[in-house]
Amino acid sequence: MKGFLFPEEGFKIVGAAMEVYNQLGHGFLEAVYQEALAIEMRIRDIPFQKHP
């Protein structure tokens, strides 16, 4: 992934987001996806801050 500032981190984040989508599918409110992504990122040990 040439040209990206943090390619490994980006790959991990996209992987977490895809896992959430694969598990939940579409049709939920944004808050549901935010909480699910926070859980998935904790599982994968990806540091993050929740949006207030």
PDB file of N, CA and C in Angstrom:
ATOM      1  N   MET A   1       0.840  -1.174   0.000  1.00  0.00           N
ATOM      2  CA  MET A   1       0.000   0.000   0.000  1.00  0.00           C
ATOM      3  C   MET A   1       0.889   1.242   0.000  1.00  0.00           C
ATOM      4  N   LYS A   2       1.507   1.491  -1.082  1.00  0.00           N
ATOM      5  CA  LYS A   2       2.406   2.626  -1.199  1.00  0.00           C
ATOM      6  C   LYS A   2       1.614   3.928  -1.239  1.00  0.00           C
ATOM      7  N   GLY A   3       2.149   4.935  -0.566  1.00  0.00           N
ATOM      8  CA  GLY A   3       1.513   6.237  -0.591  1.00  0.00           C
ATOM      9  C   GLY A   3       0.625   6.517   0.606  1.00  0.00           C
ATOM     10  N   PHE A   4       0.335   5.524   1.408  1.00  0.00           N
ATOM     11  CA  PHE A   4      -0.477   5.726   2.599  1.00  0.00           C
ATOM     12  C   PHE A   4       0.440   6.029   3.771  1.00  0.00           C
ATOM     13  N   LEU A   5      -0.016   6.907   4.660  1.00  0.00           N
ATOM     14  CA  LEU A   5       0.794   7.304   5.795  1.00  0.00           C
ATOM     15  C   LEU A   5       0.953   6.165   6.802  1.00  0.00           C
ATOM     16  N   PHE A   6      -0.140   5.460   7.114  1.00  0.00           N
ATOM     17  CA  PHE A   6      -0.119   4.352   8.070  1.00  0.00           C
ATOM     18  C   PHE A   6      -0.849   3.149   7.466  1.00  0.00           C
ATOM     19  N   PRO A   7      -0.246   2.476   6.511  1.00  0.00           N
ATOM     20  CA  PRO A   7      -0.960   1.400   5.810  1.00  0.00           C
ATOM     21  C   PRO A   7      -1.366   0.230   6.697  1.00  0.00           C
ATOM     22  N   GLU A   8      -0.525  -0.183   7.628  1.00  0.00           N
ATOM     23  CA  GLU A   8      -0.872  -1.326   8.482  1.00  0.00           C
ATOM     24  C   GLU A   8      -2.036  -0.987   9.393  1.00  0.00           C
ATOM     25  N   GLU A   9      -2.004   0.213   9.974  1.00  0.00           N
ATOM     26  CA  GLU A   9      -3.085   0.634  10.855  1.00  0.00           C
ATOM     27  C   GLU A   9      -4.402   0.757  10.078  1.00  0.00           C
ATOM     28  N   GLY A  10      -4.308   1.331   8.889  1.00  0.00           N
ATOM     29  CA  GLY A  10      -5.496   1.473   8.040  1.00  0.00           C
ATOM     30  C   GLY A  10      -6.094   0.121   7.687  1.00  0.00           C
ATOM     31  N   PHE A  11      -5.244  -0.835   7.374  1.00  0.00           N
ATOM     32  CA  PHE A  11      -5.700  -2.188   7.044  1.00  0.00           C
ATOM     33  C   PHE A  11      -6.443  -2.805   8.223  1.00  0.00           C
ATOM     34  N   LYS A  12      -5.909  -2.616   9.440  1.00  0.00           N
ATOM     35  CA  LYS A  12      -6.550  -3.165  10.641  1.00  0.00           C
ATOM     36  C   LYS A  12      -7.905  -2.517  10.889  1.00  0.00           C
ATOM     37  N   ILE A  13      -7.984  -1.204  10.712  1.00  0.00           N
ATOM     38  CA  ILE A  13      -9.237  -0.477  10.951  1.00  0.00           C
ATOM     39  C   ILE A  13     -10.295  -0.900   9.939  1.00  0.00           C
ATOM     40  N   VAL A  14      -9.917  -0.969   8.684  1.00  0.00           N
ATOM     41  CA  VAL A  14     -10.871  -1.390   7.650  1.00  0.00           C
ATOM     42  C   VAL A  14     -11.324  -2.824   7.909  1.00  0.00           C
ATOM     43  N   GLY A  15     -10.419  -3.680   8.338  1.00  0.00           N
ATOM     44  CA  GLY A  15     -10.784  -5.058   8.667  1.00  0.00           C
ATOM     45  C   GLY A  15     -11.805  -5.112   9.787  1.00  0.00           C
ATOM     46  N   ALA A  16     -11.624  -4.282  10.809  1.00  0.00           N
ATOM     47  CA  ALA A  16     -12.580  -4.233  11.920  1.00  0.00           C
ATOM     48  C   ALA A  16     -13.937  -3.746  11.431  1.00  0.00           C
ATOM     49  N   ALA A  17     -13.938  -2.712  10.609  1.00  0.00           N
ATOM     50  CA  ALA A  17     -15.197  -2.180  10.076  1.00  0.00           C
ATOM     51  C   ALA A  17     -15.914  -3.209   9.200  1.00  0.00           C
ATOM     52  N   MET A  18     -15.168  -3.926   8.397  1.00  0.00           N
ATOM     53  CA  MET A  18     -15.774  -4.954   7.544  1.00  0.00           C
ATOM     54  C   MET A  18     -16.365  -6.091   8.381  1.00  0.00           C
ATOM     55  N   GLU A  19     -15.698  -6.451   9.457  1.00  0.00           N
ATOM     56  CA  GLU A  19     -16.218  -7.504  10.335  1.00  0.00           C
ATOM     57  C   GLU A  19     -17.539  -7.075  10.956  1.00  0.00           C
ATOM     58  N   VAL A  20     -17.611  -5.827  11.392  1.00  0.00           N
ATOM     59  CA  VAL A  20     -18.870  -5.301  11.951  1.00  0.00           C
ATOM     60  C   VAL A  20     -19.974  -5.372  10.904  1.00  0.00           C
ATOM     61  N   TYR A  21     -19.673  -4.917   9.705  1.00  0.00           N
ATOM     62  CA  TYR A  21     -20.688  -4.940   8.646  1.00  0.00           C
ATOM     63  C   TYR A  21     -21.093  -6.373   8.301  1.00  0.00           C
ATOM     64  N   ASN A  22     -20.133  -7.271   8.232  1.00  0.00           N
ATOM     65  CA  ASN A  22     -20.454  -8.666   7.909  1.00  0.00           C
ATOM     66  C   ASN A  22     -21.329  -9.301   8.980  1.00  0.00           C
ATOM     67  N   GLN A  23     -21.127  -8.929  10.233  1.00  0.00           N
ATOM     68  CA  GLN A  23     -21.916  -9.489  11.326  1.00  0.00           C
ATOM     69  C   GLN A  23     -23.300  -8.852  11.418  1.00  0.00           C
ATOM     70  N   LEU A  24     -23.385  -7.534  11.230  1.00  0.00           N
ATOM     71  CA  LEU A  24     -24.656  -6.827  11.437  1.00  0.00           C
ATOM     72  C   LEU A  24     -25.460  -6.621  10.156  1.00  0.00           C
ATOM     73  N   GLY A  25     -24.771  -6.503   9.030  1.00  0.00           N
ATOM     74  CA  GLY A  25     -25.482  -6.188   7.797  1.00  0.00           C
ATOM     75  C   GLY A  25     -25.867  -4.714   7.775  1.00  0.00           C
ATOM     76  N   HIS A  26     -26.918  -4.393   7.033  1.00  0.00           N
ATOM     77  CA  HIS A  26     -27.326  -2.995   6.916  1.00  0.00           C
ATOM     78  C   HIS A  26     -28.673  -2.781   7.604  1.00  0.00           C
ATOM     79  N   GLY A  27     -29.010  -1.520   7.827  1.00  0.00           N
ATOM     80  CA  GLY A  27     -30.323  -1.192   8.349  1.00  0.00           C
ATOM     81  C   GLY A  27     -30.376  -0.704   9.781  1.00  0.00           C
ATOM     82  N   PHE A  28     -29.253  -0.687  10.475  1.00  0.00           N
ATOM     83  CA  PHE A  28     -29.247  -0.211  11.856  1.00  0.00           C
ATOM     84  C   PHE A  28     -28.932   1.283  11.895  1.00  0.00           C
ATOM     85  N   LEU A  29     -29.229   1.897  13.021  1.00  0.00           N
ATOM     86  CA  LEU A  29     -28.851   3.287  13.226  1.00  0.00           C
ATOM     87  C   LEU A  29     -27.344   3.385  13.395  1.00  0.00           C
ATOM     88  N   GLU A  30     -26.812   4.573  13.136  1.00  0.00           N
ATOM     89  CA  GLU A  30     -25.362   4.788  13.215  1.00  0.00           C
ATOM     90  C   GLU A  30     -24.809   4.436  14.591  1.00  0.00           C
ATOM     91  N   ALA A  31     -25.554   4.735  15.643  1.00  0.00           N
ATOM     92  CA  ALA A  31     -25.096   4.469  17.007  1.00  0.00           C
ATOM     93  C   ALA A  31     -24.815   2.984  17.228  1.00  0.00           C
ATOM     94  N   VAL A  32     -25.589   2.116  16.607  1.00  0.00           N
ATOM     95  CA  VAL A  32     -25.387   0.669  16.736  1.00  0.00           C
ATOM     96  C   VAL A  32     -24.051   0.284  16.113  1.00  0.00           C
ATOM     97  N   TYR A  33     -23.762   0.810  14.937  1.00  0.00           N
ATOM     98  CA  TYR A  33     -22.492   0.504  14.275  1.00  0.00           C
ATOM     99  C   TYR A  33     -21.311   1.091  15.048  1.00  0.00           C
ATOM    100  N   GLN A  34     -21.484   2.280  15.620  1.00  0.00           N
ATOM    101  CA  GLN A  34     -20.409   2.885  16.401  1.00  0.00           C
ATOM    102  C   GLN A  34     -20.052   2.012  17.597  1.00  0.00           C
ATOM    103  N   GLU A  35     -21.072   1.542  18.308  1.00  0.00           N
ATOM    104  CA  GLU A  35     -20.819   0.704  19.480  1.00  0.00           C
ATOM    105  C   GLU A  35     -20.198  -0.630  19.068  1.00  0.00           C
ATOM    106  N   ALA A  36     -20.704  -1.216  17.998  1.00  0.00           N
ATOM    107  CA  ALA A  36     -20.157  -2.490  17.523  1.00  0.00           C
ATOM    108  C   ALA A  36     -18.709  -2.321  17.071  1.00  0.00           C
ATOM    109  N   LEU A  37     -18.398  -1.210  16.416  1.00  0.00           N
ATOM    110  CA  LEU A  37     -17.024  -0.974  15.973  1.00  0.00           C
ATOM    111  C   LEU A  37     -16.107  -0.762  17.173  1.00  0.00           C
ATOM    112  N   ALA A  38     -16.586  -0.079  18.195  1.00  0.00           N
ATOM    113  CA  ALA A  38     -15.784   0.098  19.408  1.00  0.00           C
ATOM    114  C   ALA A  38     -15.463  -1.257  20.033  1.00  0.00           C
ATOM    115  N   ILE A  39     -16.438  -2.128  20.095  1.00  0.00           N
ATOM    116  CA  ILE A  39     -16.222  -3.472  20.647  1.00  0.00           C
ATOM    117  C   ILE A  39     -15.200  -4.236  19.801  1.00  0.00           C
ATOM    118  N   GLU A  40     -15.377  -4.196  18.490  1.00  0.00           N
ATOM    119  CA  GLU A  40     -14.466  -4.917  17.591  1.00  0.00           C
ATOM    120  C   GLU A  40     -13.040  -4.376  17.692  1.00  0.00           C
ATOM    121  N   MET A  41     -12.902  -3.064  17.827  1.00  0.00           N
ATOM    122  CA  MET A  41     -11.568  -2.487  17.931  1.00  0.00           C
ATOM    123  C   MET A  41     -10.915  -2.859  19.259  1.00  0.00           C
ATOM    124  N   ARG A  42     -11.705  -2.973  20.326  1.00  0.00           N
ATOM    125  CA  ARG A  42     -11.144  -3.449  21.597  1.00  0.00           C
ATOM    126  C   ARG A  42     -10.672  -4.891  21.465  1.00  0.00           C
ATOM    127  N   ILE A  43     -11.480  -5.719  20.814  1.00  0.00           N
ATOM    128  CA  ILE A  43     -11.115  -7.127  20.606  1.00  0.00           C
ATOM    129  C   ILE A  43      -9.796  -7.230  19.840  1.00  0.00           C
ATOM    130  N   ARG A  44      -9.631  -6.386  18.839  1.00  0.00           N
ATOM    131  CA  ARG A  44      -8.425  -6.414  18.002  1.00  0.00           C
ATOM    132  C   ARG A  44      -7.278  -5.582  18.577  1.00  0.00           C
ATOM    133  N   ASP A  45      -7.489  -5.011  19.748  1.00  0.00           N
ATOM    134  CA  ASP A  45      -6.484  -4.205  20.429  1.00  0.00           C
ATOM    135  C   ASP A  45      -6.026  -3.023  19.576  1.00  0.00           C
ATOM    136  N   ILE A  46      -6.991  -2.343  18.959  1.00  0.00           N
ATOM    137  CA  ILE A  46      -6.723  -1.154  18.163  1.00  0.00           C
ATOM    138  C   ILE A  46      -7.091   0.060  19.024  1.00  0.00           C
ATOM    139  N   PRO A  47      -6.139   0.918  19.340  1.00  0.00           N
ATOM    140  CA  PRO A  47      -6.461   2.067  20.181  1.00  0.00           C
ATOM    141  C   PRO A  47      -7.360   3.051  19.447  1.00  0.00           C
ATOM    142  N   PHE A  48      -8.312   3.646  20.176  1.00  0.00           N
ATOM    143  CA  PHE A  48      -9.249   4.602  19.587  1.00  0.00           C
ATOM    144  C   PHE A  48      -9.882   5.424  20.699  1.00  0.00           C
ATOM    145  N   GLN A  49     -10.559   6.489  20.299  1.00  0.00           N
ATOM    146  CA  GLN A  49     -11.360   7.297  21.207  1.00  0.00           C
ATOM    147  C   GLN A  49     -12.772   7.367  20.637  1.00  0.00           C
ATOM    148  N   LYS A  50     -13.764   7.139  21.484  1.00  0.00           N
ATOM    149  CA  LYS A  50     -15.141   7.241  21.038  1.00  0.00           C
ATOM    150  C   LYS A  50     -15.515   8.711  20.822  1.00  0.00           C
ATOM    151  N   HIS A  51     -16.335   8.943  19.831  1.00  0.00           N
ATOM    152  CA  HIS A  51     -16.854  10.268  19.558  1.00  0.00           C
ATOM    153  C   HIS A  51     -17.880  10.619  20.627  1.00  0.00           C
ATOM    154  N   PRO A  52     -17.773  11.816  21.208  1.00  0.00           N
ATOM    155  CA  PRO A  52     -18.714  12.165  22.294  1.00  0.00           C
ATOM    156  C   PRO A  52     -20.153  12.313  21.826  1.00  0.00           C
TER     157      PRO A  52
END
